[in-house]
Every structure is written in C-alpha cells, then in structure tokens.
C-alpha atoms as a PDB file:
ATOM      1  CA  MET A   1      62.996  76.500  25.540  1.00  0.00           C
ATOM      2  CA  THR A   2      59.908  76.914  27.531  1.00  0.00           C
ATOM      3  CA  GLU A   3      57.097  74.228  27.851  1.00  0.00           C
ATOM      4  CA  SER A   4      54.869  76.638  25.331  1.00  0.00           C
ATOM      5  CA  ASP A   5      57.489  76.563  22.856  1.00  0.00           C
ATOM      6  CA  VAL A   6      57.598  72.784  22.479  1.00  0.00           C
ATOM      7  CA  HIS A   7      55.205  71.342  19.748  1.00  0.00           C
ATOM      8  CA  PHE A   8      52.599  69.189  21.093  1.00  0.00           C
ATOM      9  CA  ALA A   9      53.155  66.434  18.623  1.00  0.00           C
ATOM     10  CA  ARG A  10      56.761  65.705  20.307  1.00  0.00           C
ATOM     11  CA  ALA A  11      54.825  63.853  23.001  1.00  0.00           C
ATOM     12  CA  TYR A  12      54.020  61.107  20.596  1.00  0.00           C
ATOM     13  CA  LEU A  13      57.298  60.981  18.641  1.00  0.00           C
ATOM     14  CA  ARG A  14      60.298  58.977  19.117  1.00  0.00           C
ATOM     15  CA  GLU A  15      63.515  61.134  19.890  1.00  0.00           C
ATOM     16  CA  GLU A  16      65.196  60.271  16.787  1.00  0.00           C
ATOM     17  CA  ALA A  17      62.733  61.075  14.677  1.00  0.00           C
ATOM     18  CA  ILE A  18      61.818  64.677  15.635  1.00  0.00           C
ATOM     19  CA  TYR A  19      65.310  65.193  13.853  1.00  0.00           C
ATOM     20  CA  THR A  20      65.112  63.390  10.730  1.00  0.00           C
ATOM     21  CA  ASN A  21      62.717  62.033   8.357  1.00  0.00           C
ATOM     22  CA  PRO A  22      62.708  60.179   5.074  1.00  0.00           C
ATOM     23  CA  PHE A  23      60.056  62.216   3.325  1.00  0.00           C
ATOM     24  CA  CYS A  24      60.781  64.218   0.240  1.00  0.00           C
ATOM     25  CA  PRO A  25      60.837  68.002   0.507  1.00  0.00           C
ATOM     26  CA  GLY A  26      56.922  69.544   0.187  1.00  0.00           C
ATOM     27  CA  CYS A  27      55.662  65.938   0.828  1.00  0.00           C
ATOM     28  CA  GLY A  28      52.182  65.710   2.528  1.00  0.00           C
ATOM     29  CA  ASN A  29      52.653  63.152   5.044  1.00  0.00           C
ATOM     30  CA  GLY A  30      54.042  65.001   7.921  1.00  0.00           C
ATOM     31  CA  ILE A  31      51.010  67.118   7.682  1.00  0.00           C
ATOM     32  CA  ILE A  32      48.752  63.884   7.641  1.00  0.00           C
ATOM     33  CA  ALA A  33      50.942  62.750  11.022  1.00  0.00           C
ATOM     34  CA  ASN A  34      50.363  66.047  12.513  1.00  0.00           C
ATOM     35  CA  ALA A  35      46.832  65.744  11.620  1.00  0.00           C
ATOM     36  CA  PHE A  36      46.234  62.543  13.344  1.00  0.00           C
ATOM     37  CA  LEU A  37      47.982  63.100  16.396  1.00  0.00           C
ATOM     38  CA  LYS A  38      46.086  66.072  16.722  1.00  0.00           C
ATOM     39  CA  ALA A  39      43.120  63.929  16.847  1.00  0.00           C
ATOM     40  CA  VAL A  40      44.788  61.598  19.317  1.00  0.00           C
ATOM     41  CA  LYS A  41      45.554  64.518  21.673  1.00  0.00           C
ATOM     42  CA  SER A  42      41.959  66.173  21.518  1.00  0.00           C
ATOM     43  CA  LEU A  43      40.499  62.370  22.890  1.00  0.00           C
ATOM     44  CA  GLY A  44      42.549  62.970  25.653  1.00  0.00           C
ATOM     45  CA  HIS A  45      45.696  60.460  25.105  1.00  0.00           C
ATOM     46  CA  THR A  46      48.979  61.718  26.707  1.00  0.00           C
ATOM     47  CA  ASP A  47      50.718  58.807  24.847  1.00  0.00           C
ATOM     48  CA  LEU A  48      50.019  56.318  22.422  1.00  0.00           C
ATOM     49  CA  SER A  49      50.219  53.478  24.699  1.00  0.00           C
ATOM     50  CA  LYS A  50      46.463  52.221  24.137  1.00  0.00           C
ATOM     51  CA  PHE A  51      47.340  52.308  20.486  1.00  0.00           C
ATOM     52  CA  ALA A  52      49.163  49.677  17.815  1.00  0.00           C
ATOM     53  CA  PHE A  53      50.065  50.667  14.346  1.00  0.00           C
ATOM     54  CA  VAL A  54      50.152  48.688  11.358  1.00  0.00           C
ATOM     55  CA  SER A  55      51.720  49.811   8.126  1.00  0.00           C
ATOM     56  CA  GLY A  56      52.946  48.172   4.753  1.00  0.00           C
ATOM     57  CA  ILE A  57      55.636  49.306   2.146  1.00  0.00           C
ATOM     58  CA  GLY A  58      55.872  52.897   0.872  1.00  0.00           C
ATOM     59  CA  CYS A  59      56.173  56.666   1.807  1.00  0.00           C
ATOM     60  CA  GLY A  60      52.891  56.540   3.783  1.00  0.00           C
ATOM     61  CA  ALA A  61      54.024  53.572   5.818  1.00  0.00           C
ATOM     62  CA  TRP A  62      56.579  55.652   7.156  1.00  0.00           C
ATOM     63  CA  ILE A  63      54.481  57.855   8.909  1.00  0.00           C
ATOM     64  CA  PRO A  64      53.718  55.552  11.962  1.00  0.00           C
ATOM     65  CA  SER A  65      57.013  53.515  11.675  1.00  0.00           C
ATOM     66  CA  PRO A  66      59.265  54.770  13.234  1.00  0.00           C
ATOM     67  CA  HIS A  67      58.028  58.034  13.846  1.00  0.00           C
ATOM     68  CA  PHE A  68      55.432  57.010  16.494  1.00  0.00           C
ATOM     69  CA  MET A  69      56.463  56.276  20.125  1.00  0.00           C
ATOM     70  CA  ALA A  70      54.200  53.091  20.095  1.00  0.00           C
ATOM     71  CA  ASP A  71      54.026  49.602  19.148  1.00  0.00           C
ATOM     72  CA  THR A  72      53.889  49.195  15.279  1.00  0.00           C
ATOM     73  CA  LEU A  73      54.121  46.673  12.680  1.00  0.00           C
ATOM     74  CA  HIS A  74      55.988  47.338   9.696  1.00  0.00           C
ATOM     75  CA  THR A  75      54.875  44.262   7.227  1.00  0.00           C
ATOM     76  CA  THR A  76      54.866  43.097   4.036  1.00  0.00           C
ATOM     77  CA  HIS A  77      53.855  45.173   1.023  1.00  0.00           C
ATOM     78  CA  GLY A  78      49.972  44.832   0.632  1.00  0.00           C
ATOM     79  CA  ARG A  79      49.272  42.999   4.028  1.00  0.00           C
ATOM     80  CA  ALA A  80      48.835  45.907   6.669  1.00  0.00           C
ATOM     81  CA  ILE A  81      45.265  45.256   7.241  1.00  0.00           C
ATOM     82  CA  ALA A  82      45.703  41.475   7.185  1.00  0.00           C
ATOM     83  CA  PHE A  83      48.230  41.597  10.038  1.00  0.00           C
ATOM     84  CA  ALA A  84      45.954  44.546  11.677  1.00  0.00           C
ATOM     85  CA  THR A  85      42.730  42.048  11.637  1.00  0.00           C
ATOM     86  CA  GLY A  86      44.721  39.311  13.171  1.00  0.00           C
ATOM     87  CA  LEU A  87      46.194  41.904  16.127  1.00  0.00           C
ATOM     88  CA  LYS A  88      42.654  42.971  16.796  1.00  0.00           C
ATOM     89  CA  LEU A  89      41.134  39.879  17.418  1.00  0.00           C
ATOM     90  CA  SER A  90      43.842  38.998  19.688  1.00  0.00           C
ATOM     91  CA  ARG A  91      44.200  42.160  21.426  1.00  0.00           C
ATOM     92  CA  PRO A  92      40.530  43.863  20.945  1.00  0.00           C
ATOM     93  CA  GLU A  93      41.393  46.396  23.907  1.00  0.00           C
ATOM     94  CA  LEU A  94      43.970  48.438  21.798  1.00  0.00           C
ATOM     95  CA  ASN A  95      43.163  50.925  19.429  1.00  0.00           C
ATOM     96  CA  VAL A  96      44.584  49.361  16.005  1.00  0.00           C
ATOM     97  CA  VAL A  97      45.318  51.948  13.140  1.00  0.00           C
ATOM     98  CA  VAL A  98      46.588  51.047   9.740  1.00  0.00           C
ATOM     99  CA  ILE A  99      48.291  53.951   8.133  1.00  0.00           C
ATOM    100  CA  SER A 100      49.516  53.537   4.378  1.00  0.00           C
ATOM    101  CA  GLY A 101      49.643  54.373   0.870  1.00  0.00           C
ATOM    102  CA  ASP A 102      47.306  54.132  -2.043  1.00  0.00           C
ATOM    103  CA  GLY A 103      49.640  51.471  -3.887  1.00  0.00           C
ATOM    104  CA  ASP A 104      50.019  49.253  -0.630  1.00  0.00           C
ATOM    105  CA  LEU A 105      46.341  49.504   0.713  1.00  0.00           C
ATOM    106  CA  ALA A 106      44.304  49.597  -2.564  1.00  0.00           C
ATOM    107  CA  ALA A 107      46.389  47.953  -5.297  1.00  0.00           C
ATOM    108  CA  ILE A 108      48.517  45.036  -3.797  1.00  0.00           C
ATOM    109  CA  GLY A 109      46.395  45.306  -0.767  1.00  0.00           C
ATOM    110  CA  GLY A 110      42.969  46.114  -2.351  1.00  0.00           C
ATOM    111  CA  ASN A 111      41.409  42.494  -1.474  1.00  0.00           C
ATOM    112  CA  HIS A 112      42.384  42.967   1.994  1.00  0.00           C
ATOM    113  CA  LEU A 113      40.910  46.489   2.206  1.00  0.00           C
ATOM    114  CA  ILE A 114      37.508  45.638   0.666  1.00  0.00           C
ATOM    115  CA  HIS A 115      37.137  42.544   2.748  1.00  0.00           C
ATOM    116  CA  ALA A 116      37.860  44.148   5.858  1.00  0.00           C
ATOM    117  CA  ALA A 117      35.233  46.868   4.999  1.00  0.00           C
ATOM    118  CA  ARG A 118      32.866  44.035   4.194  1.00  0.00           C
ATOM    119  CA  ARG A 119      33.350  42.455   7.780  1.00  0.00           C
ATOM    120  CA  ASN A 120      33.604  45.829   9.529  1.00  0.00           C
ATOM    121  CA  ILE A 121      36.496  45.003  11.274  1.00  0.00           C
ATOM    122  CA  ASP A 122      36.971  47.376  14.395  1.00  0.00           C
ATOM    123  CA  MET A 123      39.990  49.331  13.012  1.00  0.00           C
ATOM    124  CA  THR A 124      40.903  52.816  11.593  1.00  0.00           C
ATOM    125  CA  VAL A 125      42.596  52.940   8.269  1.00  0.00           C
ATOM    126  CA  ILE A 126      44.106  56.042   7.067  1.00  0.00           C
ATOM    127  CA  CYS A 127      45.175  55.998   3.374  1.00  0.00           C
ATOM    128  CA  SER A 128      48.168  58.703   1.970  1.00  0.00           C
ATOM    129  CA  ASN A 129      46.633  58.865  -1.343  1.00  0.00           C
ATOM    130  CA  ASN A 130      49.210  60.301  -3.783  1.00  0.00           C
ATOM    131  CA  TYR A 131      47.989  58.979  -6.919  1.00  0.00           C
ATOM    132  CA  ILE A 132      50.896  57.302  -7.759  1.00  0.00           C
ATOM    133  CA  TYR A 133      53.876  54.742  -6.434  1.00  0.00           C
ATOM    134  CA  GLY A 134      55.998  57.561  -5.173  1.00  0.00           C
ATOM    135  CA  MET A 135      58.646  55.385  -3.382  1.00  0.00           C
ATOM    136  CA  THR A 136      59.535  52.833  -6.205  1.00  0.00           C
ATOM    137  CA  GLY A 137      59.696  55.012  -9.299  1.00  0.00           C
ATOM    138  CA  GLY A 138      56.659  56.695  -9.955  1.00  0.00           C
ATOM    139  CA  GLN A 139      54.741  54.029 -11.600  1.00  0.00           C
ATOM    140  CA  MET A 140      51.072  54.395 -12.101  1.00  0.00           C
ATOM    141  CA  GLY A 141      48.773  52.922  -9.385  1.00  0.00           C
ATOM    142  CA  PRO A 142      44.901  52.329  -8.575  1.00  0.00           C
ATOM    143  CA  THR A 143      44.136  55.816  -8.165  1.00  0.00           C
ATOM    144  CA  THR A 144      46.183  57.329 -10.796  1.00  0.00           C
ATOM    145  CA  PHE A 145      43.915  59.517 -13.117  1.00  0.00           C
ATOM    146  CA  THR A 146      43.249  58.420 -16.694  1.00  0.00           C
ATOM    147  CA  GLY A 147      45.514  60.023 -19.163  1.00  0.00           C
ATOM    148  CA  ASP A 148      48.269  60.768 -16.296  1.00  0.00           C
ATOM    149  CA  ARG A 149      52.064  60.159 -17.641  1.00  0.00           C
ATOM    150  CA  THR A 150      53.827  58.097 -15.345  1.00  0.00           C
ATOM    151  CA  SER A 151      57.213  55.814 -15.464  1.00  0.00           C
ATOM    152  CA  THR A 152      54.778  52.877 -16.666  1.00  0.00           C
ATOM    153  CA  SER A 153      52.303  55.085 -18.790  1.00  0.00           C
ATOM    154  CA  PRO A 154      54.587  57.081 -20.738  1.00  0.00           C
ATOM    155  CA  TYR A 155      51.682  57.981 -23.094  1.00  0.00           C
ATOM    156  CA  GLY A 156      49.138  58.216 -20.725  1.00  0.00           C
ATOM    157  CA  ASN A 157      47.239  56.016 -18.233  1.00  0.00           C
ATOM    158  CA  PRO A 158      44.655  54.075 -20.169  1.00  0.00           C
ATOM    159  CA  GLU A 159      42.951  52.721 -16.966  1.00  0.00           C
ATOM    160  CA  ARG A 160      39.917  54.223 -14.803  1.00  0.00           C
ATOM    161  CA  PRO A 161      41.095  54.972 -11.283  1.00  0.00           C
ATOM    162  CA  PHE A 162      39.319  53.936  -8.126  1.00  0.00           C
ATOM    163  CA  ASP A 163      37.455  56.230  -6.233  1.00  0.00           C
ATOM    164  CA  LEU A 164      38.572  54.974  -2.613  1.00  0.00           C
ATOM    165  CA  ALA A 165      35.982  56.903  -0.356  1.00  0.00           C
ATOM    166  CA  ARG A 166      33.161  55.356  -2.701  1.00  0.00           C
ATOM    167  CA  LEU A 167      34.533  51.864  -2.815  1.00  0.00           C
ATOM    168  CA  VAL A 168      34.932  51.509   0.903  1.00  0.00           C
ATOM    169  CA  ALA A 169      31.668  52.734   1.504  1.00  0.00           C
ATOM    170  CA  ALA A 170      29.748  50.179  -0.709  1.00  0.00           C
ATOM    171  CA  ALA A 171      32.052  47.641   0.948  1.00  0.00           C
ATOM    172  CA  GLY A 172      30.252  48.089   4.231  1.00  0.00           C
ATOM    173  CA  ALA A 173      32.662  50.457   6.219  1.00  0.00           C
ATOM    174  CA  ASN A 174      30.857  52.343   9.243  1.00  0.00           C
ATOM    175  CA  TYR A 175      32.769  55.513   8.775  1.00  0.00           C
ATOM    176  CA  VAL A 176      34.356  56.934   5.519  1.00  0.00           C
ATOM    177  CA  ALA A 177      35.659  60.575   5.181  1.00  0.00           C
ATOM    178  CA  ARG A 178      37.749  62.205   2.155  1.00  0.00           C
ATOM    179  CA  TRP A 179      39.893  65.187   3.059  1.00  0.00           C
ATOM    180  CA  THR A 180      43.518  66.608   1.550  1.00  0.00           C
ATOM    181  CA  THR A 181      46.427  67.764   3.258  1.00  0.00           C
ATOM    182  CA  ALA A 182      45.008  71.394   2.259  1.00  0.00           C
ATOM    183  CA  HIS A 183      42.227  70.653   4.954  1.00  0.00           C
ATOM    184  CA  PRO A 184      44.172  69.473   8.191  1.00  0.00           C
ATOM    185  CA  ASN A 185      41.413  70.904  10.482  1.00  0.00           C
ATOM    186  CA  GLN A 186      38.769  68.945   8.751  1.00  0.00           C
ATOM    187  CA  ALA A 187      40.831  65.644   8.501  1.00  0.00           C
ATOM    188  CA  SER A 188      42.052  65.837  11.985  1.00  0.00           C
ATOM    189  CA  ARG A 189      38.118  65.863  13.195  1.00  0.00           C
ATOM    190  CA  SER A 190      37.191  62.903  11.029  1.00  0.00           C
ATOM    191  CA  MET A 191      39.969  61.270  12.194  1.00  0.00           C
ATOM    192  CA  LYS A 192      38.587  61.698  15.637  1.00  0.00           C
ATOM    193  CA  THR A 193      35.522  60.620  14.788  1.00  0.00           C
ATOM    194  CA  ALA A 194      36.812  57.435  13.172  1.00  0.00           C
ATOM    195  CA  LEU A 195      38.988  56.354  16.253  1.00  0.00           C
ATOM    196  CA  GLU A 196      35.613  56.766  18.383  1.00  0.00           C
ATOM    197  CA  ARG A 197      33.763  54.665  15.855  1.00  0.00           C
ATOM    198  CA  LYS A 198      33.181  51.169  16.466  1.00  0.00           C
ATOM    199  CA  GLY A 199      33.723  49.203  13.355  1.00  0.00           C
ATOM    200  CA  PHE A 200      35.767  49.919  10.233  1.00  0.00           C
ATOM    201  CA  SER A 201      36.691  53.324   9.845  1.00  0.00           C
ATOM    202  CA  PHE A 202      38.502  54.670   6.314  1.00  0.00           C
ATOM    203  CA  ILE A 203      40.162  58.191   5.791  1.00  0.00           C
ATOM    204  CA  GLU A 204      41.440  59.075   2.729  1.00  0.00           C
ATOM    205  CA  MET A 205      44.076  61.709   2.541  1.00  0.00           C
ATOM    206  CA  VAL A 206      44.719  63.212  -0.472  1.00  0.00           C
ATOM    207  CA  SER A 207      48.508  63.979  -0.555  1.00  0.00           C
ATOM    208  CA  GLN A 208      50.851  66.086  -2.633  1.00  0.00           C
ATOM    209  CA  CYS A 209      54.037  64.261  -4.236  1.00  0.00           C
ATOM    210  CA  PRO A 210      55.906  66.697  -5.902  1.00  0.00           C
ATOM    211  CA  THR A 211      58.875  64.313  -6.450  1.00  0.00           C
ATOM    212  CA  ALA A 212      56.877  61.649  -8.695  1.00  0.00           C
ATOM    213  CA  TYR A 213      53.242  62.564  -9.257  1.00  0.00           C
ATOM    214  CA  GLY A 214      53.962  66.332  -9.776  1.00  0.00           C
ATOM    215  CA  ARG A 215      57.055  66.333 -11.773  1.00  0.00           C
ATOM    216  CA  ARG A 216      55.930  63.285 -14.056  1.00  0.00           C
ATOM    217  CA  THR A 217      52.220  64.632 -14.678  1.00  0.00           C
ATOM    218  CA  LYS A 218      53.457  68.611 -14.607  1.00  0.00           C
ATOM    219  CA  THR A 219      50.946  69.087 -11.969  1.00  0.00           C
ATOM    220  CA  GLY A 220      53.607  71.213 -10.488  1.00  0.00           C
ATOM    221  CA  GLY A 221      55.376  71.352  -6.625  1.00  0.00           C
ATOM    222  CA  PRO A 222      53.704  71.444  -3.689  1.00  0.00           C
ATOM    223  CA  VAL A 223      52.191  75.043  -3.713  1.00  0.00           C
ATOM    224  CA  GLU A 224      50.627  74.018  -6.739  1.00  0.00           C
ATOM    225  CA  MET A 225      49.051  70.842  -5.480  1.00  0.00           C
ATOM    226  CA  ILE A 226      48.145  72.516  -2.386  1.00  0.00           C
ATOM    227  CA  GLU A 227      46.097  75.538  -4.637  1.00  0.00           C
ATOM    228  CA  TRP A 228      44.696  72.068  -6.863  1.00  0.00           C
ATOM    229  CA  PHE A 229      43.322  70.578  -3.587  1.00  0.00           C
ATOM    230  CA  LYS A 230      41.700  73.690  -2.089  1.00  0.00           C
ATOM    231  CA  LYS A 231      39.474  73.838  -5.347  1.00  0.00           C
ATOM    232  CA  PHE A 232      38.015  70.385  -4.375  1.00  0.00           C
ATOM    233  CA  PRO A 233      34.326  70.622  -3.392  1.00  0.00           C
ATOM    234  CA  VAL A 234      32.995  69.445  -0.166  1.00  0.00           C
ATOM    235  CA  ARG A 235      29.889  67.459  -0.054  1.00  0.00           C
ATOM    236  CA  ASN A 236      26.787  67.337   1.551  1.00  0.00           C
ATOM    237  CA  LYS A 237      27.077  64.337   3.885  1.00  0.00           C
ATOM    238  CA  ASP A 238      23.456  63.434   3.507  1.00  0.00           C
ATOM    239  CA  GLU A 239      23.545  63.301  -0.352  1.00  0.00           C
ATOM    240  CA  PRO A 240      23.124  60.273  -1.787  1.00  0.00           C
ATOM    241  CA  LEU A 241      26.341  58.877  -3.201  1.00  0.00           C
ATOM    242  CA  ASP A 242      26.445  58.810  -7.115  1.00  0.00           C
ATOM    243  CA  GLN A 243      28.817  56.430  -9.201  1.00  0.00           C
ATOM    244  CA  ARG A 244      31.469  58.858 -10.527  1.00  0.00           C
ATOM    245  CA  ILE A 245      34.764  58.130 -12.288  1.00  0.00           C
ATOM    246  CA  PRO A 246      36.947  60.290 -10.658  1.00  0.00           C
ATOM    247  CA  THR A 247      39.105  62.979 -12.787  1.00  0.00           C
ATOM    248  CA  ARG A 248      41.350  65.632 -11.570  1.00  0.00           C
ATOM    249  CA  ASP A 249      38.493  68.022 -11.859  1.00  0.00           C
ATOM    250  CA  SER A 250      35.856  65.829 -10.017  1.00  0.00           C
ATOM    251  CA  VAL A 251      37.276  64.693  -7.076  1.00  0.00           C
ATOM    252  CA  ASP A 252      34.996  65.883  -4.116  1.00  0.00           C
ATOM    253  CA  LEU A 253      35.471  65.879  -0.032  1.00  0.00           C
ATOM    254  CA  GLY A 254      33.573  65.186   3.108  1.00  0.00           C
ATOM    255  CA  VAL A 255      31.785  62.281   4.889  1.00  0.00           C
ATOM    256  CA  PHE A 256      30.519  59.626   2.580  1.00  0.00           C
ATOM    257  CA  VAL A 257      29.325  57.388   5.207  1.00  0.00           C
ATOM    258  CA  ASP A 258      28.509  57.518   8.820  1.00  0.00           C
ATOM    259  CA  ARG A 259      26.833  54.738  10.438  1.00  0.00           C
ATOM    260  CA  ASN A 260      26.738  52.455  13.479  1.00  0.00           C
ATOM    261  CA  GLU A 261      26.338  48.638  12.203  1.00  0.00           C
ATOM    262  CA  MET A 262      27.469  45.930  14.401  1.00  0.00           C
ATOM    263  CA  ASP A 263      31.262  45.408  14.039  1.00  0.00           C
ATOM    264  CA  PHE A 264      33.102  41.959  13.537  1.00  0.00           C
ATOM    265  CA  GLU A 265      34.066  41.304  17.046  1.00  0.00           C
ATOM    266  CA  SER A 266      30.702  42.194  18.490  1.00  0.00           C
ATOM    267  CA  TYR A 267      29.065  39.824  15.974  1.00  0.00           C
ATOM    268  CA  LEU A 268      31.384  37.076  17.070  1.00  0.00           C
ATOM    269  CA  ALA A 269      30.693  37.763  20.757  1.00  0.00           C
ATOM    270  CA  LYS A 270      26.919  37.372  20.000  1.00  0.00           C
ATOM    271  CA  ILE A 271      27.607  34.060  18.245  1.00  0.00           C
ATOM    272  CA  TYR A 272      29.637  32.847  21.221  1.00  0.00           C
ATOM    273  CA  SER A 273      27.276  33.955  23.799  1.00  0.00           C
ATOM    274  CA  GLU A 274      24.234  31.926  21.951  1.00  0.00           C
ATOM    275  CA  ILE A 275      26.360  28.884  21.447  1.00  0.00           C
ATOM    276  CA  GLY A 276      27.187  28.645  25.225  1.00  0.00           C
ATOM    277  CA  LYS A 277      23.365  28.991  26.205  1.00  0.00           C
END
C-alpha cells in the first residue's frame, strides 16, 4: 500500500478504531466524523494534540470517543457541555470540541446548551441530529417531528420539535449552521469556520438513522433518507430568521448566524484587568 492509498483520516484515528466501529449499517455518524477531520486537516493540523473532545451518552457521542487519537472526556448523559466549559476555562489554549447527539445535547443537556450559547463560551459543538433516541430504544426526543410514531409515541408524537439552529442562534452563539450528511463538503467548510471562530459555535448535522428513526417512522433506509435530505433548501445567510416550527418538509440549511461578539473568557480577562488597575 502506497501513501496515496491511505485515507487522510487515518492520521487522526486510533488504530483499533480503523477496523471496528459501533455504528449500525447506514448510520451517518461516519460521514460527520469524516467532515470534521477534513476541516481539521484544512486548518493545517497534522494531529489532534491541540484539541480536547467531550461527548455525552448516545450514538453521536461515539464519534470522538474512542475513535479520535486525542484527549477525550466521555461524560455522563447530558453533561458534555458542562464538562467542556470547565475544561475550556482551565485549559484555554485547547480547541475544545463537543460532539454528541440531539437527545444528549438538547434534551437531557438542553439547559447546558442554551446557557453555554448565552455565555458565548469559546467551544465548538457538533450535534448529530437523527430526530430520535437511536441507541436506547427509539424513543421520541426533542427534535422528533410532530406525528412521528416512535417506541414512546406509538400513536404519533403530540409534541412540537425544537429547531436547534434557531434555538442556539437566539440564545447568543457567535456561529450557527445546519447541514446534513448529504452535504458533507458544506458541513466541513462550516466546521472549519466554527473552529476558527472565537465564542460559542454550533453545527447541527442532520443524520440518517435507518435502524431507529427510518424503521419506526417508515421513512426508509439510508438511501431514502439521504434523498430526503437533498431536498432541504439552503437559506440565504443574510435572510432574517423566522420563527417556524420544524416539519419534515420545512427543514432549511445553511448559516444561521455569524458574528464576532466578545466570548466569555475574553470578558473575564477584561474584568480581571480592570480589577487589577
């Protein structure tokens, strides 16, 4: 095997993770991992020594841990952003990245998500959103569409779902974008921007889950779900944000907010400097 035959991502992966993975056939988490590592490579990092990864519990949490050859914290359910906040404040020189699922980040961890965005903590959060609790039995979650039949809503979900991109943008994040596993190049470019941006950055990655979501909601397999994602329109980033309730036919993609407000750590440094005068 020549050097040109080796996939670029292998430089960032543990050896044991190259040949095994915990994901179901057709899962989109591998695409998300690849898009992220492509962003890392495009920024000139030859390894992950300047990064620290934090994840919670769920399918998406397995993306960095144990696959990435890096320091990782695999934390309790819903607490990834809380751990990451402490990590960033104690080791500000590190690129702190949280990668987890919609159930972990937006349900059990929803409070941490909105308050980290409000505080504009300098970290990047990547949410693998498959619209369901994929690992624990196919229960409805905070992004499950109204009417979807799941293991805990056999007659249809009566609740309205979060639009995570709009939620985090409204909470105060500096950078927010949403893409899907059918848009890996656009996603990678947004992840690169998120890693470069000071303050709180959030990338929502809509991902196919044929085992739980596709099977229970009759949405189909990975191919059918990818074709569904390709129909999502891309918004103009300068377009004002509306207050829509997401449906299967109203998910939009693109950049939702891109600003340079002072991040939490810089504001603390400013306070300390003024105290010391």
